[in-house]
Amino acid sequence: MTMSMTKQCDHLADVIPGLLDDQNLLSPENAAHMGQCLRCQAELSRYRRLERTLRGLRDLAVPVPSGLLDELLEGLDSAAERRERHRIAGRRAASLVGLAAATAAGVGGVLVLATRRRSA
């Protein structure tokens, strides 16, 4: 495969998905390339097979287990409660850290003042 064919294949890789809907997207040069390039033909074939498979799945009815909605809603509620508990715990921790820092600063200030008064 030559370099120009590789570039053309790379360009067509972006165009091939749209070919499923509109065959007129191909220029005459690209159509000629598709006619002889097995790599591009295989890529188009994969997209066609994927489209057929997806079309077949569209009409497939999947049974929903009974109680699934209730389980999902309970799960969402418990997740929201956990997030709220974590948020509150985070605020408490931040408050305690702030209080500890303020206390340490106060004690440090008292110690500095006490040592300055003794040396004076």
N, C-alpha and C. Protein backbone atom coordinates (compact mmCIF):
# COMPACT_ATOMS: atom_id res chain seq x y z
N MET A 1 0.86 -1.17 0.00
CA MET A 1 0.00 0.00 0.00
C MET A 1 0.90 1.23 0.00
N THR A 2 0.68 2.11 -0.94
CA THR A 2 1.52 3.30 -1.05
C THR A 2 1.08 4.35 -0.03
N MET A 3 1.93 5.35 0.12
CA MET A 3 1.65 6.42 1.09
C MET A 3 0.39 7.18 0.71
N SER A 4 0.19 7.45 -0.58
CA SER A 4 -0.99 8.20 -0.98
C SER A 4 -2.25 7.37 -0.74
N MET A 5 -2.15 6.05 -0.91
CA MET A 5 -3.31 5.19 -0.63
C MET A 5 -3.60 5.18 0.87
N THR A 6 -2.55 5.19 1.68
CA THR A 6 -2.74 5.21 3.13
C THR A 6 -3.44 6.50 3.55
N LYS A 7 -3.03 7.61 2.97
CA LYS A 7 -3.69 8.89 3.27
C LYS A 7 -5.14 8.86 2.85
N GLN A 8 -5.40 8.27 1.69
CA GLN A 8 -6.77 8.19 1.20
C GLN A 8 -7.60 7.29 2.11
N CYS A 9 -7.00 6.18 2.58
CA CYS A 9 -7.71 5.29 3.51
C CYS A 9 -8.02 6.04 4.81
N ASP A 10 -7.05 6.81 5.31
CA ASP A 10 -7.27 7.57 6.54
C ASP A 10 -8.39 8.59 6.35
N HIS A 11 -8.41 9.24 5.19
CA HIS A 11 -9.48 10.20 4.91
C HIS A 11 -10.83 9.50 4.84
N LEU A 12 -10.86 8.36 4.17
CA LEU A 12 -12.12 7.63 4.01
C LEU A 12 -12.61 7.03 5.33
N ALA A 13 -11.69 6.77 6.25
CA ALA A 13 -12.11 6.25 7.56
C ALA A 13 -13.05 7.22 8.24
N ASP A 14 -12.88 8.52 8.00
CA ASP A 14 -13.78 9.52 8.57
C ASP A 14 -15.10 9.60 7.80
N VAL A 15 -15.08 9.24 6.52
CA VAL A 15 -16.25 9.37 5.65
C VAL A 15 -17.14 8.13 5.69
N ILE A 16 -16.54 6.98 5.92
CA ILE A 16 -17.25 5.70 5.80
C ILE A 16 -18.51 5.63 6.66
N PRO A 17 -18.50 6.06 7.94
CA PRO A 17 -19.75 5.96 8.71
C PRO A 17 -20.92 6.71 8.05
N GLY A 18 -20.64 7.83 7.40
CA GLY A 18 -21.70 8.59 6.73
C GLY A 18 -22.19 7.93 5.46
N LEU A 19 -21.40 7.02 4.91
CA LEU A 19 -21.81 6.34 3.68
C LEU A 19 -23.03 5.44 3.90
N LEU A 20 -23.25 5.03 5.13
CA LEU A 20 -24.41 4.20 5.40
C LEU A 20 -25.70 4.95 5.12
N ASP A 21 -25.66 6.27 5.32
CA ASP A 21 -26.85 7.09 5.09
C ASP A 21 -26.88 7.72 3.70
N ASP A 22 -25.70 8.03 3.17
CA ASP A 22 -25.65 8.77 1.90
C ASP A 22 -24.45 8.34 1.07
N GLN A 23 -24.70 7.53 0.05
CA GLN A 23 -23.63 7.04 -0.82
C GLN A 23 -23.03 8.16 -1.67
N ASN A 24 -23.72 9.29 -1.78
CA ASN A 24 -23.23 10.40 -2.60
C ASN A 24 -22.10 11.18 -1.94
N LEU A 25 -21.70 10.78 -0.74
CA LEU A 25 -20.60 11.47 -0.06
C LEU A 25 -19.26 11.20 -0.73
N LEU A 26 -19.20 10.15 -1.53
CA LEU A 26 -17.93 9.78 -2.18
C LEU A 26 -17.71 10.55 -3.47
N SER A 27 -16.53 11.12 -3.57
CA SER A 27 -16.13 11.73 -4.84
C SER A 27 -15.80 10.59 -5.81
N PRO A 28 -15.74 10.87 -7.10
CA PRO A 28 -15.38 9.80 -8.04
C PRO A 28 -14.03 9.17 -7.72
N GLU A 29 -13.08 9.99 -7.27
CA GLU A 29 -11.76 9.47 -6.92
C GLU A 29 -11.85 8.52 -5.71
N ASN A 30 -12.62 8.91 -4.69
CA ASN A 30 -12.78 8.06 -3.50
C ASN A 30 -13.57 6.81 -3.83
N ALA A 31 -14.56 6.92 -4.72
CA ALA A 31 -15.33 5.75 -5.13
C ALA A 31 -14.43 4.75 -5.84
N ALA A 32 -13.53 5.25 -6.69
CA ALA A 32 -12.59 4.37 -7.38
C ALA A 32 -11.67 3.69 -6.36
N HIS A 33 -11.22 4.44 -5.37
CA HIS A 33 -10.37 3.88 -4.33
C HIS A 33 -11.12 2.78 -3.57
N MET A 34 -12.37 3.06 -3.19
CA MET A 34 -13.16 2.07 -2.46
C MET A 34 -13.35 0.80 -3.30
N GLY A 35 -13.44 0.96 -4.60
CA GLY A 35 -13.63 -0.18 -5.48
C GLY A 35 -12.45 -1.12 -5.51
N GLN A 36 -11.26 -0.63 -5.18
CA GLN A 36 -10.08 -1.48 -5.26
C GLN A 36 -9.39 -1.72 -3.93
N CYS A 37 -9.72 -0.96 -2.88
CA CYS A 37 -9.02 -1.07 -1.60
C CYS A 37 -9.77 -2.03 -0.67
N LEU A 38 -9.17 -3.17 -0.39
CA LEU A 38 -9.79 -4.17 0.47
C LEU A 38 -9.92 -3.67 1.91
N ARG A 39 -8.97 -2.85 2.34
CA ARG A 39 -9.02 -2.31 3.70
C ARG A 39 -10.27 -1.43 3.87
N CYS A 40 -10.50 -0.55 2.94
CA CYS A 40 -11.66 0.35 3.02
C CYS A 40 -12.97 -0.42 2.84
N GLN A 41 -12.97 -1.42 1.97
CA GLN A 41 -14.17 -2.25 1.79
C GLN A 41 -14.50 -3.00 3.07
N ALA A 42 -13.47 -3.52 3.74
CA ALA A 42 -13.68 -4.24 4.99
C ALA A 42 -14.23 -3.30 6.06
N GLU A 43 -13.71 -2.08 6.11
CA GLU A 43 -14.19 -1.10 7.08
C GLU A 43 -15.67 -0.77 6.84
N LEU A 44 -16.04 -0.56 5.58
CA LEU A 44 -17.43 -0.29 5.25
C LEU A 44 -18.31 -1.49 5.61
N SER A 45 -17.80 -2.68 5.37
CA SER A 45 -18.55 -3.90 5.70
C SER A 45 -18.77 -4.00 7.22
N ARG A 46 -17.75 -3.65 8.01
CA ARG A 46 -17.91 -3.69 9.47
C ARG A 46 -18.99 -2.70 9.93
N TYR A 47 -18.99 -1.51 9.35
CA TYR A 47 -20.02 -0.52 9.71
C TYR A 47 -21.42 -1.01 9.32
N ARG A 48 -21.53 -1.64 8.16
CA ARG A 48 -22.84 -2.16 7.74
C ARG A 48 -23.32 -3.27 8.68
N ARG A 49 -22.40 -4.14 9.07
CA ARG A 49 -22.75 -5.23 9.99
C ARG A 49 -23.17 -4.65 11.36
N LEU A 50 -22.44 -3.65 11.83
CA LEU A 50 -22.79 -3.00 13.08
C LEU A 50 -24.17 -2.35 13.01
N GLU A 51 -24.45 -1.70 11.90
CA GLU A 51 -25.76 -1.06 11.72
C GLU A 51 -26.88 -2.11 11.74
N ARG A 52 -26.66 -3.25 11.06
CA ARG A 52 -27.68 -4.31 11.06
C ARG A 52 -27.90 -4.85 12.47
N THR A 53 -26.83 -5.04 13.21
CA THR A 53 -26.94 -5.54 14.58
C THR A 53 -27.70 -4.57 15.46
N LEU A 54 -27.37 -3.29 15.35
CA LEU A 54 -28.06 -2.27 16.15
C LEU A 54 -29.53 -2.16 15.78
N ARG A 55 -29.84 -2.28 14.48
CA ARG A 55 -31.23 -2.25 14.05
C ARG A 55 -32.01 -3.41 14.64
N GLY A 56 -31.37 -4.58 14.71
CA GLY A 56 -32.01 -5.75 15.30
C GLY A 56 -32.24 -5.58 16.79
N LEU A 57 -31.36 -4.88 17.48
CA LEU A 57 -31.51 -4.66 18.92
C LEU A 57 -32.60 -3.64 19.23
N ARG A 58 -32.89 -2.77 18.28
CA ARG A 58 -33.86 -1.71 18.50
C ARG A 58 -35.22 -2.27 18.89
N ASP A 59 -35.61 -3.38 18.29
CA ASP A 59 -36.93 -3.95 18.54
C ASP A 59 -36.93 -5.01 19.64
N LEU A 60 -35.76 -5.25 20.22
CA LEU A 60 -35.65 -6.26 21.26
C LEU A 60 -36.23 -5.74 22.57
N ALA A 61 -37.18 -6.46 23.11
CA ALA A 61 -37.80 -6.06 24.38
C ALA A 61 -37.04 -6.72 25.52
N VAL A 62 -36.56 -5.92 26.44
CA VAL A 62 -35.82 -6.43 27.59
C VAL A 62 -36.74 -6.36 28.80
N PRO A 63 -36.97 -7.49 29.45
CA PRO A 63 -37.86 -7.47 30.62
C PRO A 63 -37.20 -6.71 31.78
N VAL A 64 -37.99 -5.88 32.42
CA VAL A 64 -37.50 -5.11 33.56
C VAL A 64 -37.88 -5.86 34.83
N PRO A 65 -36.90 -6.19 35.65
CA PRO A 65 -37.23 -6.91 36.89
C PRO A 65 -38.15 -6.08 37.77
N SER A 66 -39.08 -6.75 38.42
CA SER A 66 -40.01 -6.04 39.30
C SER A 66 -39.22 -5.48 40.49
N GLY A 67 -39.58 -4.30 40.89
CA GLY A 67 -38.91 -3.66 42.02
C GLY A 67 -37.65 -2.90 41.65
N LEU A 68 -37.29 -2.91 40.37
CA LEU A 68 -36.06 -2.24 39.97
C LEU A 68 -36.13 -0.74 40.22
N LEU A 69 -37.25 -0.13 39.91
CA LEU A 69 -37.40 1.31 40.11
C LEU A 69 -37.25 1.67 41.58
N ASP A 70 -37.87 0.89 42.46
CA ASP A 70 -37.76 1.15 43.89
C ASP A 70 -36.32 1.02 44.36
N GLU A 71 -35.62 0.00 43.87
CA GLU A 71 -34.22 -0.19 44.25
C GLU A 71 -33.36 0.98 43.78
N LEU A 72 -33.60 1.42 42.55
CA LEU A 72 -32.83 2.55 42.03
C LEU A 72 -33.08 3.82 42.84
N LEU A 73 -34.33 4.08 43.17
CA LEU A 73 -34.66 5.28 43.95
C LEU A 73 -34.06 5.20 45.35
N GLU A 74 -34.10 4.04 45.96
CA GLU A 74 -33.49 3.87 47.29
C GLU A 74 -31.99 4.09 47.22
N GLY A 75 -31.37 3.56 46.18
CA GLY A 75 -29.93 3.75 46.00
C GLY A 75 -29.57 5.21 45.83
N LEU A 76 -30.38 5.93 45.06
CA LEU A 76 -30.12 7.35 44.87
C LEU A 76 -30.31 8.13 46.17
N ASP A 77 -31.33 7.77 46.93
CA ASP A 77 -31.55 8.43 48.22
C ASP A 77 -30.40 8.19 49.18
N SER A 78 -29.96 6.94 49.27
CA SER A 78 -28.86 6.64 50.20
C SER A 78 -27.57 7.30 49.75
N ALA A 79 -27.35 7.41 48.45
CA ALA A 79 -26.15 8.11 47.96
C ALA A 79 -26.21 9.59 48.31
N ALA A 80 -27.40 10.18 48.20
CA ALA A 80 -27.55 11.59 48.55
C ALA A 80 -27.32 11.79 50.05
N GLU A 81 -27.81 10.86 50.87
CA GLU A 81 -27.59 10.96 52.31
C GLU A 81 -26.11 10.84 52.65
N ARG A 82 -25.40 9.93 51.98
CA ARG A 82 -23.95 9.78 52.23
C ARG A 82 -23.21 11.05 51.85
N ARG A 83 -23.57 11.63 50.71
CA ARG A 83 -22.92 12.88 50.30
C ARG A 83 -23.15 13.98 51.32
N GLU A 84 -24.36 14.07 51.85
CA GLU A 84 -24.69 15.09 52.85
C GLU A 84 -23.89 14.86 54.13
N ARG A 85 -23.79 13.58 54.56
CA ARG A 85 -23.00 13.28 55.77
C ARG A 85 -21.53 13.66 55.57
N HIS A 86 -20.99 13.36 54.39
CA HIS A 86 -19.60 13.71 54.10
C HIS A 86 -19.41 15.23 54.08
N ARG A 87 -20.38 15.93 53.54
CA ARG A 87 -20.30 17.39 53.48
C ARG A 87 -20.30 17.98 54.88
N ILE A 88 -21.20 17.46 55.74
CA ILE A 88 -21.27 17.94 57.13
C ILE A 88 -19.99 17.59 57.88
N ALA A 89 -19.51 16.36 57.70
CA ALA A 89 -18.27 15.95 58.36
C ALA A 89 -17.10 16.81 57.90
N GLY A 90 -17.08 17.16 56.63
CA GLY A 90 -16.01 18.02 56.12
C GLY A 90 -16.06 19.40 56.75
N ARG A 91 -17.27 19.92 56.94
CA ARG A 91 -17.41 21.24 57.58
C ARG A 91 -16.96 21.17 59.03
N ARG A 92 -17.33 20.09 59.72
CA ARG A 92 -16.91 19.94 61.11
C ARG A 92 -15.39 19.86 61.22
N ALA A 93 -14.80 19.08 60.33
CA ALA A 93 -13.34 18.94 60.35
C ALA A 93 -12.67 20.28 60.09
N ALA A 94 -13.20 21.04 59.14
CA ALA A 94 -12.63 22.35 58.85
C ALA A 94 -12.78 23.28 60.05
N SER A 95 -13.90 23.20 60.74
CA SER A 95 -14.11 24.03 61.92
C SER A 95 -13.13 23.65 63.02
N LEU A 96 -12.93 22.37 63.23
CA LEU A 96 -11.99 21.92 64.26
C LEU A 96 -10.56 22.33 63.92
N VAL A 97 -10.19 22.23 62.68
CA VAL A 97 -8.84 22.64 62.27
C VAL A 97 -8.68 24.14 62.49
N GLY A 98 -9.69 24.91 62.15
CA GLY A 98 -9.64 26.36 62.36
C GLY A 98 -9.54 26.70 63.83
N LEU A 99 -10.31 26.00 64.66
CA LEU A 99 -10.27 26.22 66.10
C LEU A 99 -8.90 25.86 66.66
N ALA A 100 -8.35 24.74 66.20
CA ALA A 100 -7.02 24.33 66.66
C ALA A 100 -5.96 25.34 66.24
N ALA A 101 -6.07 25.86 65.04
CA ALA A 101 -5.09 26.85 64.56
C ALA A 101 -5.20 28.14 65.37
N ALA A 102 -6.43 28.55 65.64
CA ALA A 102 -6.63 29.76 66.43
C ALA A 102 -6.09 29.57 67.84
N THR A 103 -6.33 28.41 68.43
CA THR A 103 -5.83 28.13 69.78
C THR A 103 -4.31 28.13 69.79
N ALA A 104 -3.70 27.49 68.80
CA ALA A 104 -2.24 27.45 68.72
C ALA A 104 -1.68 28.85 68.55
N ALA A 105 -2.33 29.66 67.74
CA ALA A 105 -1.86 31.03 67.54
C ALA A 105 -1.99 31.81 68.84
N GLY A 106 -3.08 31.61 69.55
CA GLY A 106 -3.27 32.31 70.82
C GLY A 106 -2.24 31.90 71.85
N VAL A 107 -1.98 30.61 71.96
CA VAL A 107 -0.97 30.12 72.90
C VAL A 107 0.40 30.64 72.50
N GLY A 108 0.68 30.63 71.22
CA GLY A 108 1.97 31.15 70.75
C GLY A 108 2.12 32.62 71.08
N GLY A 109 1.05 33.38 70.89
CA GLY A 109 1.09 34.81 71.21
C GLY A 109 1.33 35.05 72.68
N VAL A 110 0.66 34.27 73.53
CA VAL A 110 0.85 34.41 74.97
C VAL A 110 2.29 34.09 75.35
N LEU A 111 2.85 33.03 74.75
CA LEU A 111 4.23 32.65 75.05
C LEU A 111 5.20 33.74 74.61
N VAL A 112 4.97 34.33 73.45
CA VAL A 112 5.86 35.40 72.96
C VAL A 112 5.79 36.58 73.91
N LEU A 113 4.59 36.98 74.31
CA LEU A 113 4.43 38.11 75.23
C LEU A 113 5.07 37.81 76.59
N ALA A 114 4.88 36.58 77.05
CA ALA A 114 5.43 36.23 78.35
C ALA A 114 6.96 36.26 78.32
N THR A 115 7.56 35.78 77.25
CA THR A 115 9.03 35.77 77.18
C THR A 115 9.56 37.18 76.98
N ARG A 116 8.86 38.04 76.30
CA ARG A 116 9.33 39.43 76.12
C ARG A 116 9.25 40.23 77.43
N ARG A 117 8.23 39.96 78.20
CA ARG A 117 8.06 40.70 79.46
C ARG A 117 9.15 40.28 80.45
N ARG A 118 9.53 39.03 80.45
CA ARG A 118 10.58 38.56 81.36
C ARG A 118 11.93 39.15 81.00
N SER A 119 12.21 39.25 79.70
CA SER A 119 13.52 39.74 79.28
C SER A 119 13.61 41.26 79.39
N ALA A 120 12.52 41.95 79.53
CA ALA A 120 12.53 43.42 79.61
C ALA A 120 12.77 43.93 80.97
